[in-house]
Amino acid sequence: MTYIIGEACIDVKDISCQSVCPVDCIHEMDRILVIDPEECIDCGACEPECPVEAILPEDAIPDDWKPFVPINYAFPDKDAINRMVDEIKPPGEGDTE
């Protein structure tokens, strides 16, 4: 099992979780951080460090997080990850300009 980073991380990318990861499995993409499931040791150190609560264990994700499983599993394909994130939340969506 691995941990999954969800929508709350999009365009936030606070690296607190990355700083505590003992195996450096959290990687920065253009708009989101992702957890490499091949490297994750399921220690859970990242989850409480996330200020936007964007990290959950894969076996505990709610239905609305399902699209983020393939996003995290797509690592290291940065282009695929960026494309999937843009489909879920287009760039600029939610901006208040």
PDB file of N, CA and C in Angstrom:
ATOM      1  N   MET A   1       0.831  -1.182   0.000  1.00  0.00           N
ATOM      2  CA  MET A   1       0.000   0.000   0.000  1.00  0.00           C
ATOM      3  C   MET A   1       0.875   1.245   0.000  1.00  0.00           C
ATOM      4  N   THR A   2       0.284   2.339  -0.419  1.00  0.00           N
ATOM      5  CA  THR A   2       0.991   3.611  -0.460  1.00  0.00           C
ATOM      6  C   THR A   2       0.064   4.704   0.034  1.00  0.00           C
ATOM      7  N   TYR A   3       0.569   5.870   0.111  1.00  0.00           N
ATOM      8  CA  TYR A   3      -0.230   7.051   0.420  1.00  0.00           C
ATOM      9  C   TYR A   3      -0.509   7.776  -0.884  1.00  0.00           C
ATOM     10  N   ILE A   4      -1.613   8.516  -0.916  1.00  0.00           N
ATOM     11  CA  ILE A   4      -2.050   9.230  -2.103  1.00  0.00           C
ATOM     12  C   ILE A   4      -2.163  10.713  -1.768  1.00  0.00           C
ATOM     13  N   ILE A   5      -1.684  11.551  -2.664  1.00  0.00           N
ATOM     14  CA  ILE A   5      -1.843  12.992  -2.521  1.00  0.00           C
ATOM     15  C   ILE A   5      -3.002  13.408  -3.414  1.00  0.00           C
ATOM     16  N   GLY A   6      -3.951  14.148  -2.838  1.00  0.00           N
ATOM     17  CA  GLY A   6      -5.163  14.512  -3.543  1.00  0.00           C
ATOM     18  C   GLY A   6      -5.258  15.968  -3.946  1.00  0.00           C
ATOM     19  N   GLU A   7      -6.465  16.361  -4.311  1.00  0.00           N
ATOM     20  CA  GLU A   7      -6.740  17.654  -4.940  1.00  0.00           C
ATOM     21  C   GLU A   7      -6.311  18.867  -4.126  1.00  0.00           C
ATOM     22  N   ALA A   8      -6.380  18.783  -2.812  1.00  0.00           N
ATOM     23  CA  ALA A   8      -6.034  19.940  -1.986  1.00  0.00           C
ATOM     24  C   ALA A   8      -4.595  20.405  -2.199  1.00  0.00           C
ATOM     25  N   CYS A   9      -3.762  19.559  -2.749  1.00  0.00           N
ATOM     26  CA  CYS A   9      -2.361  19.917  -3.002  1.00  0.00           C
ATOM     27  C   CYS A   9      -2.189  20.698  -4.311  1.00  0.00           C
ATOM     28  N   ILE A  10      -3.161  20.608  -5.203  1.00  0.00           N
ATOM     29  CA  ILE A  10      -3.013  21.269  -6.505  1.00  0.00           C
ATOM     30  C   ILE A  10      -2.815  22.771  -6.293  1.00  0.00           C
ATOM     31  N   ASP A  11      -1.762  23.277  -6.892  1.00  0.00           N
ATOM     32  CA  ASP A  11      -1.371  24.686  -6.851  1.00  0.00           C
ATOM     33  C   ASP A  11      -0.966  25.174  -5.463  1.00  0.00           C
ATOM     34  N   VAL A  12      -0.816  24.252  -4.499  1.00  0.00           N
ATOM     35  CA  VAL A  12      -0.351  24.606  -3.160  1.00  0.00           C
ATOM     36  C   VAL A  12       1.089  24.126  -3.002  1.00  0.00           C
ATOM     37  N   LYS A  13       1.286  22.837  -3.162  1.00  0.00           N
ATOM     38  CA  LYS A  13       2.602  22.188  -3.134  1.00  0.00           C
ATOM     39  C   LYS A  13       3.465  22.600  -1.940  1.00  0.00           C
ATOM     40  N   ASP A  14       2.896  22.592  -0.747  1.00  0.00           N
ATOM     41  CA  ASP A  14       3.671  22.817   0.466  1.00  0.00           C
ATOM     42  C   ASP A  14       4.565  21.597   0.648  1.00  0.00           C
ATOM     43  N   ILE A  15       5.844  21.791   0.841  1.00  0.00           N
ATOM     44  CA  ILE A  15       6.775  20.658   0.883  1.00  0.00           C
ATOM     45  C   ILE A  15       7.053  20.126   2.294  1.00  0.00           C
ATOM     46  N   SER A  16       6.192  20.455   3.237  1.00  0.00           N
ATOM     47  CA  SER A  16       6.370  19.936   4.603  1.00  0.00           C
ATOM     48  C   SER A  16       6.411  18.417   4.609  1.00  0.00           C
ATOM     49  N   CYS A  17       5.547  17.803   3.812  1.00  0.00           N
ATOM     50  CA  CYS A  17       5.498  16.340   3.747  1.00  0.00           C
ATOM     51  C   CYS A  17       6.786  15.774   3.158  1.00  0.00           C
ATOM     52  N   GLN A  18       7.285  16.441   2.153  1.00  0.00           N
ATOM     53  CA  GLN A  18       8.510  16.008   1.475  1.00  0.00           C
ATOM     54  C   GLN A  18       9.697  16.058   2.432  1.00  0.00           C
ATOM     55  N   SER A  19       9.701  17.050   3.301  1.00  0.00           N
ATOM     56  CA  SER A  19      10.809  17.233   4.241  1.00  0.00           C
ATOM     57  C   SER A  19      10.928  16.117   5.270  1.00  0.00           C
ATOM     58  N   VAL A  20       9.803  15.480   5.617  1.00  0.00           N
ATOM     59  CA  VAL A  20       9.840  14.430   6.647  1.00  0.00           C
ATOM     60  C   VAL A  20       9.898  13.018   6.074  1.00  0.00           C
ATOM     61  N   CYS A  21       9.791  12.881   4.772  1.00  0.00           N
ATOM     62  CA  CYS A  21       9.777  11.545   4.165  1.00  0.00           C
ATOM     63  C   CYS A  21      11.161  10.893   4.283  1.00  0.00           C
ATOM     64  N   PRO A  22      11.243   9.738   4.962  1.00  0.00           N
ATOM     65  CA  PRO A  22      12.545   9.096   5.159  1.00  0.00           C
ATOM     66  C   PRO A  22      13.124   8.437   3.906  1.00  0.00           C
ATOM     67  N   VAL A  23      12.296   8.241   2.884  1.00  0.00           N
ATOM     68  CA  VAL A  23      12.787   7.579   1.669  1.00  0.00           C
ATOM     69  C   VAL A  23      12.698   8.462   0.428  1.00  0.00           C
ATOM     70  N   ASP A  24      12.392   9.731   0.610  1.00  0.00           N
ATOM     71  CA  ASP A  24      12.322  10.690  -0.498  1.00  0.00           C
ATOM     72  C   ASP A  24      11.422  10.213  -1.634  1.00  0.00           C
ATOM     73  N   CYS A  25      10.220   9.767  -1.286  1.00  0.00           N
ATOM     74  CA  CYS A  25       9.310   9.257  -2.315  1.00  0.00           C
ATOM     75  C   CYS A  25       8.287  10.292  -2.782  1.00  0.00           C
ATOM     76  N   ILE A  26       8.352  11.506  -2.249  1.00  0.00           N
ATOM     77  CA  ILE A  26       7.415  12.560  -2.637  1.00  0.00           C
ATOM     78  C   ILE A  26       8.120  13.477  -3.628  1.00  0.00           C
ATOM     79  N   HIS A  27       7.487  13.629  -4.789  1.00  0.00           N
ATOM     80  CA  HIS A  27       8.118  14.348  -5.893  1.00  0.00           C
ATOM     81  C   HIS A  27       7.235  15.486  -6.383  1.00  0.00           C
ATOM     82  N   GLU A  28       7.877  16.564  -6.814  1.00  0.00           N
ATOM     83  CA  GLU A  28       7.170  17.746  -7.271  1.00  0.00           C
ATOM     84  C   GLU A  28       6.925  17.699  -8.776  1.00  0.00           C
ATOM     85  N   MET A  29       5.676  17.875  -9.148  1.00  0.00           N
ATOM     86  CA  MET A  29       5.293  18.018 -10.548  1.00  0.00           C
ATOM     87  C   MET A  29       4.966  19.499 -10.765  1.00  0.00           C
ATOM     88  N   ASP A  30       4.400  19.849 -11.895  1.00  0.00           N
ATOM     89  CA  ASP A  30       4.132  21.256 -12.168  1.00  0.00           C
ATOM     90  C   ASP A  30       3.164  21.885 -11.173  1.00  0.00           C
ATOM     91  N   ARG A  31       2.070  21.174 -10.852  1.00  0.00           N
ATOM     92  CA  ARG A  31       1.031  21.781 -10.016  1.00  0.00           C
ATOM     93  C   ARG A  31       0.714  20.996  -8.754  1.00  0.00           C
ATOM     94  N   ILE A  32       1.346  19.859  -8.558  1.00  0.00           N
ATOM     95  CA  ILE A  32       1.007  18.975  -7.431  1.00  0.00           C
ATOM     96  C   ILE A  32       2.236  18.173  -7.021  1.00  0.00           C
ATOM     97  N   LEU A  33       2.246  17.722  -5.795  1.00  0.00           N
ATOM     98  CA  LEU A  33       3.234  16.746  -5.351  1.00  0.00           C
ATOM     99  C   LEU A  33       2.613  15.371  -5.524  1.00  0.00           C
ATOM    100  N   VAL A  34       3.424  14.360  -5.797  1.00  0.00           N
ATOM    101  CA  VAL A  34       2.935  12.988  -5.889  1.00  0.00           C
ATOM    102  C   VAL A  34       3.844  12.072  -5.089  1.00  0.00           C
ATOM    103  N   ILE A  35       3.269  10.955  -4.672  1.00  0.00           N
ATOM    104  CA  ILE A  35       4.022   9.946  -3.936  1.00  0.00           C
ATOM    105  C   ILE A  35       4.280   8.776  -4.873  1.00  0.00           C
ATOM    106  N   ASP A  36       5.542   8.415  -5.038  1.00  0.00           N
ATOM    107  CA  ASP A  36       5.905   7.272  -5.862  1.00  0.00           C
ATOM    108  C   ASP A  36       5.546   6.001  -5.092  1.00  0.00           C
ATOM    109  N   PRO A  37       4.579   5.234  -5.581  1.00  0.00           N
ATOM    110  CA  PRO A  37       4.153   4.041  -4.846  1.00  0.00           C
ATOM    111  C   PRO A  37       5.225   2.957  -4.772  1.00  0.00           C
ATOM    112  N   GLU A  38       6.182   2.998  -5.683  1.00  0.00           N
ATOM    113  CA  GLU A  38       7.266   2.011  -5.654  1.00  0.00           C
ATOM    114  C   GLU A  38       8.270   2.313  -4.543  1.00  0.00           C
ATOM    115  N   GLU A  39       8.380   3.580  -4.143  1.00  0.00           N
ATOM    116  CA  GLU A  39       9.335   3.980  -3.117  1.00  0.00           C
ATOM    117  C   GLU A  39       8.708   4.101  -1.725  1.00  0.00           C
ATOM    118  N   CYS A  40       7.408   4.382  -1.675  1.00  0.00           N
ATOM    119  CA  CYS A  40       6.724   4.613  -0.396  1.00  0.00           C
ATOM    120  C   CYS A  40       6.810   3.372   0.488  1.00  0.00           C
ATOM    121  N   ILE A  41       7.191   3.581   1.744  1.00  0.00           N
ATOM    122  CA  ILE A  41       7.302   2.465   2.690  1.00  0.00           C
ATOM    123  C   ILE A  41       6.120   2.440   3.665  1.00  0.00           C
ATOM    124  N   ASP A  42       5.100   3.258   3.393  1.00  0.00           N
ATOM    125  CA  ASP A  42       3.874   3.255   4.183  1.00  0.00           C
ATOM    126  C   ASP A  42       4.124   3.623   5.644  1.00  0.00           C
ATOM    127  N   CYS A  43       5.052   4.544   5.874  1.00  0.00           N
ATOM    128  CA  CYS A  43       5.360   4.923   7.252  1.00  0.00           C
ATOM    129  C   CYS A  43       4.369   5.938   7.808  1.00  0.00           C
ATOM    130  N   GLY A  44       3.728   6.706   6.925  1.00  0.00           N
ATOM    131  CA  GLY A  44       2.742   7.678   7.360  1.00  0.00           C
ATOM    132  C   GLY A  44       3.287   8.983   7.891  1.00  0.00           C
ATOM    133  N   ALA A  45       4.589   9.189   7.822  1.00  0.00           N
ATOM    134  CA  ALA A  45       5.184  10.425   8.346  1.00  0.00           C
ATOM    135  C   ALA A  45       4.669  11.667   7.631  1.00  0.00           C
ATOM    136  N   CYS A  46       4.322  11.528   6.372  1.00  0.00           N
ATOM    137  CA  CYS A  46       3.889  12.668   5.562  1.00  0.00           C
ATOM    138  C   CYS A  46       2.492  13.171   5.917  1.00  0.00           C
ATOM    139  N   GLU A  47       1.604  12.258   6.247  1.00  0.00           N
ATOM    140  CA  GLU A  47       0.185  12.611   6.420  1.00  0.00           C
ATOM    141  C   GLU A  47      -0.052  13.731   7.440  1.00  0.00           C
ATOM    142  N   PRO A  48       0.463  13.646   8.654  1.00  0.00           N
ATOM    143  CA  PRO A  48       0.187  14.718   9.621  1.00  0.00           C
ATOM    144  C   PRO A  48       0.903  16.032   9.310  1.00  0.00           C
ATOM    145  N   GLU A  49       1.897  15.988   8.449  1.00  0.00           N
ATOM    146  CA  GLU A  49       2.651  17.201   8.111  1.00  0.00           C
ATOM    147  C   GLU A  49       1.971  18.063   7.061  1.00  0.00           C
ATOM    148  N   CYS A  50       1.020  17.511   6.338  1.00  0.00           N
ATOM    149  CA  CYS A  50       0.365  18.239   5.254  1.00  0.00           C
ATOM    150  C   CYS A  50      -0.593  19.292   5.822  1.00  0.00           C
ATOM    151  N   PRO A  51      -0.338  20.576   5.565  1.00  0.00           N
ATOM    152  CA  PRO A  51      -1.187  21.622   6.136  1.00  0.00           C
ATOM    153  C   PRO A  51      -2.575  21.709   5.497  1.00  0.00           C
ATOM    154  N   VAL A  52      -2.761  21.095   4.329  1.00  0.00           N
ATOM    155  CA  VAL A  52      -4.062  21.150   3.657  1.00  0.00           C
ATOM    156  C   VAL A  52      -4.770  19.791   3.655  1.00  0.00           C
ATOM    157  N   GLU A  53      -4.236  18.843   4.418  1.00  0.00           N
ATOM    158  CA  GLU A  53      -4.814  17.492   4.549  1.00  0.00           C
ATOM    159  C   GLU A  53      -5.040  16.825   3.199  1.00  0.00           C
ATOM    160  N   ALA A  54      -4.028  16.897   2.361  1.00  0.00           N
ATOM    161  CA  ALA A  54      -4.109  16.339   1.005  1.00  0.00           C
ATOM    162  C   ALA A  54      -3.547  14.930   0.904  1.00  0.00           C
ATOM    163  N   ILE A  55      -3.153  14.319   2.019  1.00  0.00           N
ATOM    164  CA  ILE A  55      -2.525  12.993   1.989  1.00  0.00           C
ATOM    165  C   ILE A  55      -3.339  12.012   2.831  1.00  0.00           C
ATOM    166  N   LEU A  56      -3.663  10.878   2.198  1.00  0.00           N
ATOM    167  CA  LEU A  56      -4.362   9.803   2.903  1.00  0.00           C
ATOM    168  C   LEU A  56      -3.798   8.458   2.466  1.00  0.00           C
ATOM    169  N   PRO A  57      -3.938   7.427   3.317  1.00  0.00           N
ATOM    170  CA  PRO A  57      -3.540   6.088   2.886  1.00  0.00           C
ATOM    171  C   PRO A  57      -4.445   5.652   1.732  1.00  0.00           C
ATOM    172  N   GLU A  58      -3.882   4.935   0.784  1.00  0.00           N
ATOM    173  CA  GLU A  58      -4.650   4.511  -0.388  1.00  0.00           C
ATOM    174  C   GLU A  58      -5.896   3.726  -0.015  1.00  0.00           C
ATOM    175  N   ASP A  59      -5.815   2.901   1.017  1.00  0.00           N
ATOM    176  CA  ASP A  59      -6.978   2.089   1.377  1.00  0.00           C
ATOM    177  C   ASP A  59      -8.042   2.867   2.154  1.00  0.00           C
ATOM    178  N   ALA A  60      -7.835   4.162   2.349  1.00  0.00           N
ATOM    179  CA  ALA A  60      -8.797   4.980   3.087  1.00  0.00           C
ATOM    180  C   ALA A  60      -9.310   6.173   2.271  1.00  0.00           C
ATOM    181  N   ILE A  61      -9.006   6.198   0.990  1.00  0.00           N
ATOM    182  CA  ILE A  61      -9.416   7.363   0.205  1.00  0.00           C
ATOM    183  C   ILE A  61     -10.912   7.331  -0.098  1.00  0.00           C
ATOM    184  N   PRO A  62     -11.545   8.500  -0.059  1.00  0.00           N
ATOM    185  CA  PRO A  62     -12.964   8.575  -0.415  1.00  0.00           C
ATOM    186  C   PRO A  62     -13.141   8.488  -1.937  1.00  0.00           C
ATOM    187  N   ASP A  63     -14.352   8.264  -2.365  1.00  0.00           N
ATOM    188  CA  ASP A  63     -14.624   8.121  -3.799  1.00  0.00           C
ATOM    189  C   ASP A  63     -14.161   9.316  -4.614  1.00  0.00           C
ATOM    190  N   ASP A  64     -14.291  10.523  -4.069  1.00  0.00           N
ATOM    191  CA  ASP A  64     -13.901  11.695  -4.847  1.00  0.00           C
ATOM    192  C   ASP A  64     -12.378  11.826  -5.014  1.00  0.00           C
ATOM    193  N   TRP A  65     -11.627  10.991  -4.317  1.00  0.00           N
ATOM    194  CA  TRP A  65     -10.172  10.960  -4.481  1.00  0.00           C
ATOM    195  C   TRP A  65      -9.727   9.920  -5.502  1.00  0.00           C
ATOM    196  N   LYS A  66     -10.618   9.080  -5.981  1.00  0.00           N
ATOM    197  CA  LYS A  66     -10.244   7.985  -6.899  1.00  0.00           C
ATOM    198  C   LYS A  66      -9.406   8.458  -8.086  1.00  0.00           C
ATOM    199  N   PRO A  67      -9.686   9.616  -8.702  1.00  0.00           N
ATOM    200  CA  PRO A  67      -8.864  10.056  -9.831  1.00  0.00           C
ATOM    201  C   PRO A  67      -7.396  10.332  -9.465  1.00  0.00           C
ATOM    202  N   PHE A  68      -7.113  10.496  -8.187  1.00  0.00           N
ATOM    203  CA  PHE A  68      -5.741  10.802  -7.779  1.00  0.00           C
ATOM    204  C   PHE A  68      -4.872   9.561  -7.610  1.00  0.00           C
ATOM    205  N   VAL A  69      -5.494   8.395  -7.552  1.00  0.00           N
ATOM    206  CA  VAL A  69      -4.713   7.161  -7.488  1.00  0.00           C
ATOM    207  C   VAL A  69      -3.868   7.005  -8.757  1.00  0.00           C
ATOM    208  N   PRO A  70      -4.462   7.055  -9.969  1.00  0.00           N
ATOM    209  CA  PRO A  70      -3.622   6.936 -11.168  1.00  0.00           C
ATOM    210  C   PRO A  70      -2.644   8.090 -11.335  1.00  0.00           C
ATOM    211  N   ILE A  71      -2.982   9.258 -10.799  1.00  0.00           N
ATOM    212  CA  ILE A  71      -2.034  10.387 -10.879  1.00  0.00           C
ATOM    213  C   ILE A  71      -0.771  10.046 -10.110  1.00  0.00           C
ATOM    214  N   ASN A  72      -0.924   9.569  -8.877  1.00  0.00           N
ATOM    215  CA  ASN A  72       0.252   9.203  -8.082  1.00  0.00           C
ATOM    216  C   ASN A  72       0.977   7.999  -8.678  1.00  0.00           C
ATOM    217  N   TYR A  73       0.222   7.034  -9.194  1.00  0.00           N
ATOM    218  CA  TYR A  73       0.830   5.836  -9.776  1.00  0.00           C
ATOM    219  C   TYR A  73       1.504   6.105 -11.115  1.00  0.00           C
ATOM    220  N   ALA A  74       1.238   7.251 -11.728  1.00  0.00           N
ATOM    221  CA  ALA A  74       1.857   7.573 -13.016  1.00  0.00           C
ATOM    222  C   ALA A  74       3.309   8.017 -12.874  1.00  0.00           C
ATOM    223  N   PHE A  75       3.770   8.263 -11.640  1.00  0.00           N
ATOM    224  CA  PHE A  75       5.163   8.660 -11.463  1.00  0.00           C
ATOM    225  C   PHE A  75       6.071   7.575 -12.033  1.00  0.00           C
ATOM    226  N   PRO A  76       7.076   7.911 -12.808  1.00  0.00           N
ATOM    227  CA  PRO A  76       7.728   9.194 -13.041  1.00  0.00           C
ATOM    228  C   PRO A  76       7.303   9.931 -14.314  1.00  0.00           C
ATOM    229  N   ASP A  77       6.186   9.586 -14.914  1.00  0.00           N
ATOM    230  CA  ASP A  77       5.757  10.223 -16.160  1.00  0.00           C
ATOM    231  C   ASP A  77       5.158  11.602 -15.876  1.00  0.00           C
ATOM    232  N   LYS A  78       6.029  12.590 -15.784  1.00  0.00           N
ATOM    233  CA  LYS A  78       5.621  13.954 -15.429  1.00  0.00           C
ATOM    234  C   LYS A  78       4.579  14.505 -16.393  1.00  0.00           C
ATOM    235  N   ASP A  79       4.738  14.263 -17.686  1.00  0.00           N
ATOM    236  CA  ASP A  79       3.774  14.780 -18.665  1.00  0.00           C
ATOM    237  C   ASP A  79       2.383  14.197 -18.429  1.00  0.00           C
ATOM    238  N   ALA A  80       2.305  12.906 -18.177  1.00  0.00           N
ATOM    239  CA  ALA A  80       1.010  12.267 -17.921  1.00  0.00           C
ATOM    240  C   ALA A  80       0.387  12.818 -16.645  1.00  0.00           C
ATOM    241  N   ILE A  81       1.175  12.984 -15.615  1.00  0.00           N
ATOM    242  CA  ILE A  81       0.669  13.520 -14.350  1.00  0.00           C
ATOM    243  C   ILE A  81       0.132  14.926 -14.553  1.00  0.00           C
ATOM    244  N   ASN A  82       0.913  15.769 -15.204  1.00  0.00           N
ATOM    245  CA  ASN A  82       0.484  17.154 -15.425  1.00  0.00           C
ATOM    246  C   ASN A  82      -0.801  17.207 -16.251  1.00  0.00           C
ATOM    247  N   ARG A  83      -0.918  16.357 -17.239  1.00  0.00           N
ATOM    248  CA  ARG A  83      -2.119  16.304 -18.086  1.00  0.00           C
ATOM    249  C   ARG A  83      -3.349  15.885 -17.258  1.00  0.00           C
ATOM    250  N   MET A  84      -3.192  14.850 -16.434  1.00  0.00           N
ATOM    251  CA  MET A  84      -4.308  14.374 -15.610  1.00  0.00           C
ATOM    252  C   MET A  84      -4.754  15.428 -14.596  1.00  0.00           C
ATOM    253  N   VAL A  85      -3.798  16.112 -13.990  1.00  0.00           N
ATOM    254  CA  VAL A  85      -4.127  17.169 -13.025  1.00  0.00           C
ATOM    255  C   VAL A  85      -4.885  18.297 -13.725  1.00  0.00           C
ATOM    256  N   ASP A  86      -4.420  18.698 -14.906  1.00  0.00           N
ATOM    257  CA  ASP A  86      -5.089  19.767 -15.655  1.00  0.00           C
ATOM    258  C   ASP A  86      -6.510  19.375 -16.055  1.00  0.00           C
ATOM    259  N   GLU A  87      -6.753  18.088 -16.293  1.00  0.00           N
ATOM    260  CA  GLU A  87      -8.106  17.631 -16.628  1.00  0.00           C
ATOM    261  C   GLU A  87      -9.031  17.723 -15.413  1.00  0.00           C
ATOM    262  N   ILE A  88      -8.496  17.407 -14.240  1.00  0.00           N
ATOM    263  CA  ILE A  88      -9.308  17.444 -13.022  1.00  0.00           C
ATOM    264  C   ILE A  88      -9.582  18.878 -12.584  1.00  0.00           C
ATOM    265  N   LYS A  89      -8.555  19.704 -12.648  1.00  0.00           N
ATOM    266  CA  LYS A  89      -8.691  21.101 -12.239  1.00  0.00           C
ATOM    267  C   LYS A  89      -7.898  21.957 -13.231  1.00  0.00           C
ATOM    268  N   PRO A  90      -8.582  22.484 -14.239  1.00  0.00           N
ATOM    269  CA  PRO A  90      -7.876  23.290 -15.239  1.00  0.00           C
ATOM    270  C   PRO A  90      -7.106  24.447 -14.620  1.00  0.00           C
ATOM    271  N   PRO A  91      -5.948  24.784 -15.193  1.00  0.00           N
ATOM    272  CA  PRO A  91      -5.172  25.906 -14.660  1.00  0.00           C
ATOM    273  C   PRO A  91      -6.013  27.172 -14.585  1.00  0.00           C
ATOM    274  N   GLY A  92      -5.893  27.889 -13.492  1.00  0.00           N
ATOM    275  CA  GLY A  92      -6.634  29.117 -13.308  1.00  0.00           C
ATOM    276  C   GLY A  92      -8.010  28.930 -12.695  1.00  0.00           C
ATOM    277  N   GLU A  93      -8.489  27.696 -12.610  1.00  0.00           N
ATOM    278  CA  GLU A  93      -9.804  27.445 -12.016  1.00  0.00           C
ATOM    279  C   GLU A  93      -9.765  27.817 -10.540  1.00  0.00           C
ATOM    280  N   GLY A  94     -10.697  28.619 -10.149  1.00  0.00           N
ATOM    281  CA  GLY A  94     -10.754  29.027  -8.745  1.00  0.00           C
ATOM    282  C   GLY A  94      -9.983  30.300  -8.463  1.00  0.00           C
ATOM    283  N   ASP A  95      -9.256  30.839  -9.463  1.00  0.00           N
ATOM    284  CA  ASP A  95      -8.560  32.109  -9.252  1.00  0.00           C
ATOM    285  C   ASP A  95      -9.579  33.223  -9.051  1.00  0.00           C
ATOM    286  N   THR A  96      -9.226  34.198  -8.245  1.00  0.00           N
ATOM    287  CA  THR A  96     -10.151  35.293  -7.959  1.00  0.00           C
ATOM    288  C   THR A  96      -9.633  36.606  -8.520  1.00  0.00           C
ATOM    289  N   GLU A  97      -9.267  36.609  -9.767  1.00  0.00           N
ATOM    290  CA  GLU A  97      -8.769  37.837 -10.380  1.00  0.00           C
ATOM    291  C   GLU A  97      -9.872  38.589 -11.040  1.00  0.00           C
TER     292      GLU A  97
END
